[in-house]
């Protein structure tokens, strides 16, 4: 979705009166790339924390109380509901 919004809004930052340097357009691209990098780091931190929390919960539960991956594979569970789901990063 972000790429689509960027493709729509991006050309409006490149003003013909700023040619050939296009300072506004290049600045907007740099800001967008920096925000993208920050989002990647934040998502990684969130995924690591979620995986550690699920590992902790799995260790606290007794053996046999956690359904195996065959039981939860097609159970129509979200990533937060499925105790066997782990994020890959």
PDB file of N, CA and C in Angstrom:
ATOM      1  N   UNK A   1       0.825  -1.179   0.000  1.00  0.00           N
ATOM      2  CA  UNK A   1       0.000   0.000   0.000  1.00  0.00           C
ATOM      3  C   UNK A   1       0.879   1.257   0.000  1.00  0.00           C
ATOM      4  N   UNK A   2       1.975   1.201   0.765  1.00  0.00           N
ATOM      5  CA  UNK A   2       2.880   2.349   0.805  1.00  0.00           C
ATOM      6  C   UNK A   2       3.499   2.635  -0.547  1.00  0.00           C
ATOM      7  N   UNK A   3       3.836   1.583  -1.285  1.00  0.00           N
ATOM      8  CA  UNK A   3       4.414   1.769  -2.617  1.00  0.00           C
ATOM      9  C   UNK A   3       3.410   2.415  -3.562  1.00  0.00           C
ATOM     10  N   UNK A   4       2.159   2.008  -3.462  1.00  0.00           N
ATOM     11  CA  UNK A   4       1.123   2.605  -4.321  1.00  0.00           C
ATOM     12  C   UNK A   4       0.924   4.083  -3.999  1.00  0.00           C
ATOM     13  N   UNK A   5       0.883   4.405  -2.726  1.00  0.00           N
ATOM     14  CA  UNK A   5       0.735   5.807  -2.326  1.00  0.00           C
ATOM     15  C   UNK A   5       1.944   6.615  -2.788  1.00  0.00           C
ATOM     16  N   UNK A   6       3.137   6.029  -2.640  1.00  0.00           N
ATOM     17  CA  UNK A   6       4.346   6.713  -3.095  1.00  0.00           C
ATOM     18  C   UNK A   6       4.363   6.942  -4.585  1.00  0.00           C
ATOM     19  N   UNK A   7       3.860   5.974  -5.348  1.00  0.00           N
ATOM     20  CA  UNK A   7       3.810   6.134  -6.804  1.00  0.00           C
ATOM     21  C   UNK A   7       2.821   7.214  -7.230  1.00  0.00           C
ATOM     22  N   UNK A   8       1.779   7.397  -6.453  1.00  0.00           N
ATOM     23  CA  UNK A   8       0.798   8.442  -6.768  1.00  0.00           C
ATOM     24  C   UNK A   8       1.319   9.811  -6.342  1.00  0.00           C
ATOM     25  N   UNK A   9       1.859   9.904  -5.120  1.00  0.00           N
ATOM     26  CA  UNK A   9       2.266  11.200  -4.579  1.00  0.00           C
ATOM     27  C   UNK A   9       3.645  11.643  -5.052  1.00  0.00           C
ATOM     28  N   UNK A  10       4.520  10.697  -5.369  1.00  0.00           N
ATOM     29  CA  UNK A  10       5.906  11.011  -5.718  1.00  0.00           C
ATOM     30  C   UNK A  10       6.093  12.041  -6.810  1.00  0.00           C
ATOM     31  N   UNK A  11       5.414  11.916  -7.933  1.00  0.00           N
ATOM     32  CA  UNK A  11       5.630  12.886  -9.017  1.00  0.00           C
ATOM     33  C   UNK A  11       5.276  14.328  -8.651  1.00  0.00           C
ATOM     34  N   UNK A  12       4.422  14.526  -7.655  1.00  0.00           N
ATOM     35  CA  UNK A  12       4.052  15.879  -7.266  1.00  0.00           C
ATOM     36  C   UNK A  12       5.193  16.612  -6.555  1.00  0.00           C
ATOM     37  N   UNK A  13       6.206  15.878  -6.098  1.00  0.00           N
ATOM     38  CA  UNK A  13       7.345  16.498  -5.426  1.00  0.00           C
ATOM     39  C   UNK A  13       8.417  16.960  -6.407  1.00  0.00           C
ATOM     40  N   UNK A  14       8.335  16.533  -7.639  1.00  0.00           N
ATOM     41  CA  UNK A  14       9.320  16.921  -8.648  1.00  0.00           C
ATOM     42  C   UNK A  14       8.733  18.064  -9.486  1.00  0.00           C
ATOM     43  N   UNK A  15       9.041  19.286  -9.074  1.00  0.00           N
ATOM     44  CA  UNK A  15       8.525  20.492  -9.732  1.00  0.00           C
ATOM     45  C   UNK A  15       9.426  20.849 -10.911  1.00  0.00           C
ATOM     46  N   UNK A  16       8.816  21.221 -12.024  1.00  0.00           N
ATOM     47  CA  UNK A  16       9.595  21.542 -13.227  1.00  0.00           C
ATOM     48  C   UNK A  16      10.456  22.783 -13.022  1.00  0.00           C
ATOM     49  N   UNK A  17      10.044  23.707 -12.163  1.00  0.00           N
ATOM     50  CA  UNK A  17      10.846  24.906 -11.944  1.00  0.00           C
ATOM     51  C   UNK A  17      12.108  24.621 -11.115  1.00  0.00           C
ATOM     52  N   UNK A  18      12.221  23.435 -10.526  1.00  0.00           N
ATOM     53  CA  UNK A  18      13.411  23.072  -9.761  1.00  0.00           C
ATOM     54  C   UNK A  18      14.406  22.265 -10.586  1.00  0.00           C
ATOM     55  N   UNK A  19      14.130  22.060 -11.854  1.00  0.00           N
ATOM     56  CA  UNK A  19      15.011  21.264 -12.717  1.00  0.00           C
ATOM     57  C   UNK A  19      16.365  21.933 -12.815  1.00  0.00           C
ATOM     58  N   UNK A  20      17.435  21.282 -12.977  1.00  0.00           N
ATOM     59  CA  UNK A  20      17.631  19.841 -13.030  1.00  0.00           C
ATOM     60  C   UNK A  20      17.945  19.228 -11.658  1.00  0.00           C
ATOM     61  N   UNK A  21      17.987  20.036 -10.584  1.00  0.00           N
ATOM     62  CA  UNK A  21      18.373  19.516  -9.269  1.00  0.00           C
ATOM     63  C   UNK A  21      17.267  18.809  -8.524  1.00  0.00           C
ATOM     64  N   UNK A  22      16.031  19.266  -8.685  1.00  0.00           N
ATOM     65  CA  UNK A  22      14.861  18.691  -8.027  1.00  0.00           C
ATOM     66  C   UNK A  22      15.109  18.459  -6.538  1.00  0.00           C
ATOM     67  N   UNK A  23      15.462  19.529  -5.827  1.00  0.00           N
ATOM     68  CA  UNK A  23      15.791  19.403  -4.401  1.00  0.00           C
ATOM     69  C   UNK A  23      14.618  18.872  -3.584  1.00  0.00           C
ATOM     70  N   UNK A  24      13.420  19.340  -3.850  1.00  0.00           N
ATOM     71  CA  UNK A  24      12.251  18.877  -3.104  1.00  0.00           C
ATOM     72  C   UNK A  24      11.991  17.392  -3.357  1.00  0.00           C
ATOM     73  N   UNK A  25      12.064  16.976  -4.592  1.00  0.00           N
ATOM     74  CA  UNK A  25      11.803  15.578  -4.934  1.00  0.00           C
ATOM     75  C   UNK A  25      12.826  14.629  -4.331  1.00  0.00           C
ATOM     76  N   UNK A  26      14.104  15.008  -4.416  1.00  0.00           N
ATOM     77  CA  UNK A  26      15.154  14.162  -3.859  1.00  0.00           C
ATOM     78  C   UNK A  26      15.060  14.138  -2.337  1.00  0.00           C
ATOM     79  N   UNK A  27      14.745  15.271  -1.735  1.00  0.00           N
ATOM     80  CA  UNK A  27      14.574  15.315  -0.281  1.00  0.00           C
ATOM     81  C   UNK A  27      13.412  14.429   0.158  1.00  0.00           C
ATOM     82  N   UNK A  28      12.322  14.470  -0.584  1.00  0.00           N
ATOM     83  CA  UNK A  28      11.168  13.629  -0.249  1.00  0.00           C
ATOM     84  C   UNK A  28      11.519  12.152  -0.359  1.00  0.00           C
ATOM     85  N   UNK A  29      12.311  11.790  -1.363  1.00  0.00           N
ATOM     86  CA  UNK A  29      12.724  10.392  -1.512  1.00  0.00           C
ATOM     87  C   UNK A  29      13.616   9.962  -0.347  1.00  0.00           C
ATOM     88  N   UNK A  30      14.528  10.822   0.072  1.00  0.00           N
ATOM     89  CA  UNK A  30      15.401  10.498   1.198  1.00  0.00           C
ATOM     90  C   UNK A  30      14.612  10.331   2.496  1.00  0.00           C
ATOM     91  N   UNK A  31      13.662  11.218   2.730  1.00  0.00           N
ATOM     92  CA  UNK A  31      12.823  11.107   3.930  1.00  0.00           C
ATOM     93  C   UNK A  31      12.018   9.808   3.902  1.00  0.00           C
ATOM     94  N   UNK A  32      11.451   9.466   2.763  1.00  0.00           N
ATOM     95  CA  UNK A  32      10.673   8.234   2.646  1.00  0.00           C
ATOM     96  C   UNK A  32      11.550   7.000   2.881  1.00  0.00           C
ATOM     97  N   UNK A  33      12.768   7.009   2.351  1.00  0.00           N
ATOM     98  CA  UNK A  33      13.672   5.879   2.563  1.00  0.00           C
ATOM     99  C   UNK A  33      14.093   5.761   4.022  1.00  0.00           C
ATOM    100  N   UNK A  34      14.315   6.869   4.694  1.00  0.00           N
ATOM    101  CA  UNK A  34      14.656   6.837   6.119  1.00  0.00           C
ATOM    102  C   UNK A  34      13.491   6.306   6.946  1.00  0.00           C
ATOM    103  N   UNK A  35      12.279   6.739   6.632  1.00  0.00           N
ATOM    104  CA  UNK A  35      11.100   6.218   7.340  1.00  0.00           C
ATOM    105  C   UNK A  35      10.931   4.721   7.106  1.00  0.00           C
ATOM    106  N   UNK A  36      11.210   4.280   5.902  1.00  0.00           N
ATOM    107  CA  UNK A  36      11.126   2.857   5.585  1.00  0.00           C
ATOM    108  C   UNK A  36      12.129   2.057   6.410  1.00  0.00           C
ATOM    109  N   UNK A  37      13.335   2.550   6.542  1.00  0.00           N
ATOM    110  CA  UNK A  37      14.352   1.878   7.335  1.00  0.00           C
ATOM    111  C   UNK A  37      13.937   1.795   8.804  1.00  0.00           C
ATOM    112  N   UNK A  38      13.388   2.875   9.326  1.00  0.00           N
ATOM    113  CA  UNK A  38      12.920   2.886  10.707  1.00  0.00           C
ATOM    114  C   UNK A  38      11.802   1.861  10.899  1.00  0.00           C
ATOM    115  N   UNK A  39      10.883   1.776   9.944  1.00  0.00           N
ATOM    116  CA  UNK A  39       9.800   0.799  10.045  1.00  0.00           C
ATOM    117  C   UNK A  39      10.335  -0.630  10.016  1.00  0.00           C
ATOM    118  N   UNK A  40      11.332  -0.904   9.186  1.00  0.00           N
ATOM    119  CA  UNK A  40      11.923  -2.242   9.149  1.00  0.00           C
ATOM    120  C   UNK A  40      12.514  -2.621  10.496  1.00  0.00           C
ATOM    121  N   UNK A  41      13.221  -1.683  11.125  1.00  0.00           N
ATOM    122  CA  UNK A  41      13.820  -1.953  12.431  1.00  0.00           C
ATOM    123  C   UNK A  41      12.733  -2.171  13.485  1.00  0.00           C
ATOM    124  N   UNK A  42      11.697  -1.345  13.470  1.00  0.00           N
ATOM    125  CA  UNK A  42      10.608  -1.506  14.435  1.00  0.00           C
ATOM    126  C   UNK A  42       9.883  -2.840  14.260  1.00  0.00           C
ATOM    127  N   UNK A  43       9.625  -3.229  13.016  1.00  0.00           N
ATOM    128  CA  UNK A  43       8.971  -4.519  12.777  1.00  0.00           C
ATOM    129  C   UNK A  43       9.841  -5.669  13.262  1.00  0.00           C
ATOM    130  N   UNK A  44      11.139  -5.582  13.042  1.00  0.00           N
ATOM    131  CA  UNK A  44      12.028  -6.654  13.509  1.00  0.00           C
ATOM    132  C   UNK A  44      11.978  -6.761  15.027  1.00  0.00           C
ATOM    133  N   UNK A  45      12.026  -5.635  15.717  1.00  0.00           N
ATOM    134  CA  UNK A  45      11.957  -5.649  17.181  1.00  0.00           C
ATOM    135  C   UNK A  45      10.639  -6.265  17.640  1.00  0.00           C
ATOM    136  N   UNK A  46       9.546  -5.893  16.991  1.00  0.00           N
ATOM    137  CA  UNK A  46       8.237  -6.451  17.360  1.00  0.00           C
ATOM    138  C   UNK A  46       8.184  -7.958  17.120  1.00  0.00           C
ATOM    139  N   UNK A  47       8.734  -8.422  16.007  1.00  0.00           N
ATOM    140  CA  UNK A  47       8.714  -9.849  15.694  1.00  0.00           C
ATOM    141  C   UNK A  47       9.581 -10.646  16.657  1.00  0.00           C
ATOM    142  N   UNK A  48      10.737 -10.119  17.018  1.00  0.00           N
ATOM    143  CA  UNK A  48      11.606 -10.807  17.975  1.00  0.00           C
ATOM    144  C   UNK A  48      10.910 -10.924  19.322  1.00  0.00           C
ATOM    145  N   UNK A  49      10.293  -9.852  19.780  1.00  0.00           N
ATOM    146  CA  UNK A  49       9.581  -9.879  21.068  1.00  0.00           C
ATOM    147  C   UNK A  49       8.407 -10.856  21.042  1.00  0.00           C
ATOM    148  N   UNK A  50       7.663 -10.869  19.951  1.00  0.00           N
ATOM    149  CA  UNK A  50       6.521 -11.785  19.854  1.00  0.00           C
ATOM    150  C   UNK A  50       6.992 -13.232  19.860  1.00  0.00           C
ATOM    151  N   UNK A  51       8.078 -13.535  19.157  1.00  0.00           N
ATOM    152  CA  UNK A  51       8.609 -14.897  19.150  1.00  0.00           C
ATOM    153  C   UNK A  51       9.092 -15.312  20.536  1.00  0.00           C
ATOM    154  N   UNK A  52       9.771 -14.407  21.234  1.00  0.00           N
ATOM    155  CA  UNK A  52      10.239 -14.727  22.582  1.00  0.00           C
ATOM    156  C   UNK A  52       9.078 -14.958  23.538  1.00  0.00           C
ATOM    157  N   UNK A  53       8.028 -14.164  23.412  1.00  0.00           N
ATOM    158  CA  UNK A  53       6.855 -14.345  24.267  1.00  0.00           C
ATOM    159  C   UNK A  53       6.191 -15.691  24.008  1.00  0.00           C
ATOM    160  N   UNK A  54       6.075 -16.095  22.751  1.00  0.00           N
ATOM    161  CA  UNK A  54       5.476 -17.398  22.435  1.00  0.00           C
ATOM    162  C   UNK A  54       6.367 -18.541  22.913  1.00  0.00           C
ATOM    163  N   UNK A  55       7.679 -18.374  22.810  1.00  0.00           N
ATOM    164  CA  UNK A  55       8.594 -19.392  23.319  1.00  0.00           C
ATOM    165  C   UNK A  55       8.472 -19.522  24.837  1.00  0.00           C
ATOM    166  N   UNK A  56       8.336 -18.396  25.517  1.00  0.00           N
ATOM    167  CA  UNK A  56       8.176 -18.395  26.962  1.00  0.00           C
ATOM    168  C   UNK A  56       6.878 -19.092  27.366  1.00  0.00           C
ATOM    169  N   UNK A  57       5.790 -18.781  26.667  1.00  0.00           N
ATOM    170  CA  UNK A  57       4.506 -19.428  26.970  1.00  0.00           C
ATOM    171  C   UNK A  57       4.557 -20.923  26.695  1.00  0.00           C
ATOM    172  N   UNK A  58       5.234 -21.308  25.635  1.00  0.00           N
ATOM    173  CA  UNK A  58       5.341 -22.726  25.309  1.00  0.00           C
ATOM    174  C   UNK A  58       6.139 -23.468  26.365  1.00  0.00           C
ATOM    175  N   UNK A  59       7.161 -22.826  26.914  1.00  0.00           N
ATOM    176  CA  UNK A  59       7.966 -23.458  27.955  1.00  0.00           C
ATOM    177  C   UNK A  59       7.198 -23.585  29.259  1.00  0.00           C
ATOM    178  N   UNK A  60       6.295 -22.649  29.529  1.00  0.00           N
ATOM    179  CA  UNK A  60       5.517 -22.679  30.770  1.00  0.00           C
ATOM    180  C   UNK A  60       4.426 -23.742  30.743  1.00  0.00           C
ATOM    181  N   UNK A  61       3.919 -24.027  29.561  1.00  0.00           N
ATOM    182  CA  UNK A  61       2.855 -25.026  29.459  1.00  0.00           C
ATOM    183  C   UNK A  61       3.415 -26.420  29.653  1.00  0.00           C
ATOM    184  N   UNK A  62       2.554 -27.290  30.114  1.00  0.00           N
ATOM    185  CA  UNK A  62       2.990 -28.674  30.302  1.00  0.00           C
ATOM    186  C   UNK A  62       3.103 -29.365  28.960  1.00  0.00           C
ATOM    187  N   UNK A  63       3.953 -30.377  28.916  1.00  0.00           N
ATOM    188  CA  UNK A  63       4.134 -31.149  27.690  1.00  0.00           C
ATOM    189  C   UNK A  63       2.815 -31.799  27.307  1.00  0.00           C
ATOM    190  N   UNK A  64       2.449 -31.704  26.058  1.00  0.00           N
ATOM    191  CA  UNK A  64       1.210 -32.306  25.578  1.00  0.00           C
ATOM    192  C   UNK A  64       0.029 -31.361  25.555  1.00  0.00           C
ATOM    193  N   UNK A  65       0.115 -30.234  26.265  1.00  0.00           N
ATOM    194  CA  UNK A  65      -1.013 -29.306  26.257  1.00  0.00           C
ATOM    195  C   UNK A  65      -0.975 -28.377  25.045  1.00  0.00           C
ATOM    196  N   UNK A  66       0.181 -28.275  24.410  1.00  0.00           N
ATOM    197  CA  UNK A  66       0.298 -27.441  23.217  1.00  0.00           C
ATOM    198  C   UNK A  66      -0.053 -28.302  22.013  1.00  0.00           C
ATOM    199  N   UNK A  67      -1.027 -27.893  21.236  1.00  0.00           N
ATOM    200  CA  UNK A  67      -1.349 -28.672  20.038  1.00  0.00           C
ATOM    201  C   UNK A  67      -0.181 -28.642  19.054  1.00  0.00           C
ATOM    202  N   UNK A  68       0.046 -29.766  18.411  1.00  0.00           N
ATOM    203  CA  UNK A  68       1.154 -29.795  17.455  1.00  0.00           C
ATOM    204  C   UNK A  68       0.769 -29.041  16.192  1.00  0.00           C
ATOM    205  N   UNK A  69       1.742 -28.838  15.335  1.00  0.00           N
ATOM    206  CA  UNK A  69       1.514 -28.014  14.149  1.00  0.00           C
ATOM    207  C   UNK A  69       0.515 -28.651  13.187  1.00  0.00           C
ATOM    208  N   UNK A  70       0.358 -29.970  13.225  1.00  0.00           N
ATOM    209  CA  UNK A  70      -0.625 -30.626  12.360  1.00  0.00           C
ATOM    210  C   UNK A  70      -2.049 -30.250  12.759  1.00  0.00           C
ATOM    211  N   UNK A  71      -2.281 -30.062  14.048  1.00  0.00           N
ATOM    212  CA  UNK A  71      -3.623 -29.706  14.519  1.00  0.00           C
ATOM    213  C   UNK A  71      -3.968 -28.243  14.251  1.00  0.00           C
ATOM    214  N   UNK A  72      -2.976 -27.380  14.287  1.00  0.00           N
ATOM    215  CA  UNK A  72      -3.251 -25.951  14.122  1.00  0.00           C
ATOM    216  C   UNK A  72      -3.010 -25.444  12.709  1.00  0.00           C
ATOM    217  N   UNK A  73      -2.488 -26.276  11.827  1.00  0.00           N
ATOM    218  CA  UNK A  73      -2.124 -25.818  10.485  1.00  0.00           C
ATOM    219  C   UNK A  73      -3.328 -25.297   9.707  1.00  0.00           C
ATOM    220  N   UNK A  74      -4.453 -25.979   9.796  1.00  0.00           N
ATOM    221  CA  UNK A  74      -5.639 -25.578   9.036  1.00  0.00           C
ATOM    222  C   UNK A  74      -6.801 -25.236   9.953  1.00  0.00           C
ATOM    223  N   UNK A  75      -6.501 -24.716  11.121  1.00  0.00           N
ATOM    224  CA  UNK A  75      -7.532 -24.419  12.117  1.00  0.00           C
ATOM    225  C   UNK A  75      -8.085 -23.008  11.998  1.00  0.00           C
ATOM    226  N   UNK A  76      -7.713 -22.266  10.970  1.00  0.00           N
ATOM    227  CA  UNK A  76      -8.195 -20.905  10.746  1.00  0.00           C
ATOM    228  C   UNK A  76      -7.889 -20.005  11.948  1.00  0.00           C
ATOM    229  N   UNK A  77      -6.618 -20.043  12.387  1.00  0.00           N
ATOM    230  CA  UNK A  77      -6.161 -19.223  13.492  1.00  0.00           C
ATOM    231  C   UNK A  77      -5.278 -18.101  12.952  1.00  0.00           C
ATOM    232  N   UNK A  78      -5.315 -16.970  13.641  1.00  0.00           N
ATOM    233  CA  UNK A  78      -4.419 -15.877  13.264  1.00  0.00           C
ATOM    234  C   UNK A  78      -3.030 -16.161  13.818  1.00  0.00           C
ATOM    235  N   UNK A  79      -2.077 -15.332  13.444  1.00  0.00           N
ATOM    236  CA  UNK A  79      -0.715 -15.523  13.941  1.00  0.00           C
ATOM    237  C   UNK A  79      -0.641 -15.359  15.456  1.00  0.00           C
ATOM    238  N   UNK A  80      -1.474 -14.547  16.029  1.00  0.00           N
ATOM    239  CA  UNK A  80      -1.471 -14.364  17.485  1.00  0.00           C
ATOM    240  C   UNK A  80      -2.187 -15.503  18.203  1.00  0.00           C
ATOM    241  N   UNK A  81      -3.158 -16.115  17.577  1.00  0.00           N
ATOM    242  CA  UNK A  81      -3.895 -17.201  18.204  1.00  0.00           C
ATOM    243  C   UNK A  81      -3.168 -18.538  18.111  1.00  0.00           C
ATOM    244  N   UNK A  82      -2.395 -18.742  17.067  1.00  0.00           N
ATOM    245  CA  UNK A  82      -1.724 -20.016  16.838  1.00  0.00           C
ATOM    246  C   UNK A  82      -0.478 -20.107  17.714  1.00  0.00           C
ATOM    247  N   UNK A  83      -0.439 -21.053  18.668  1.00  0.00           N
ATOM    248  CA  UNK A  83       0.731 -21.147  19.549  1.00  0.00           C
ATOM    249  C   UNK A  83       1.979 -21.658  18.841  1.00  0.00           C
ATOM    250  N   UNK A  84       1.840 -22.244  17.673  1.00  0.00           N
ATOM    251  CA  UNK A  84       2.989 -22.766  16.938  1.00  0.00           C
ATOM    252  C   UNK A  84       3.545 -21.807  15.900  1.00  0.00           C
ATOM    253  N   UNK A  85       2.888 -20.681  15.710  1.00  0.00           N
ATOM    254  CA  UNK A  85       3.341 -19.720  14.696  1.00  0.00           C
ATOM    255  C   UNK A  85       4.531 -18.929  15.212  1.00  0.00           C
ATOM    256  N   UNK A  86       5.561 -18.789  14.381  1.00  0.00           N
ATOM    257  CA  UNK A  86       6.706 -17.955  14.688  1.00  0.00           C
ATOM    258  C   UNK A  86       6.983 -17.064  13.479  1.00  0.00           C
ATOM    259  N   UNK A  87       7.325 -15.814  13.769  1.00  0.00           N
ATOM    260  CA  UNK A  87       7.670 -14.886  12.694  1.00  0.00           C
ATOM    261  C   UNK A  87       9.055 -15.214  12.172  1.00  0.00           C
ATOM    262  N   UNK A  88       9.252 -15.053  10.868  1.00  0.00           N
ATOM    263  CA  UNK A  88      10.549 -15.236  10.244  1.00  0.00           C
ATOM    264  C   UNK A  88      11.048 -13.866   9.836  1.00  0.00           C
ATOM    265  N   UNK A  89      12.250 -13.539  10.226  1.00  0.00           N
ATOM    266  CA  UNK A  89      12.799 -12.220   9.914  1.00  0.00           C
ATOM    267  C   UNK A  89      14.215 -12.328   9.442  1.00  0.00           C
TER     268      UNK A  89
END
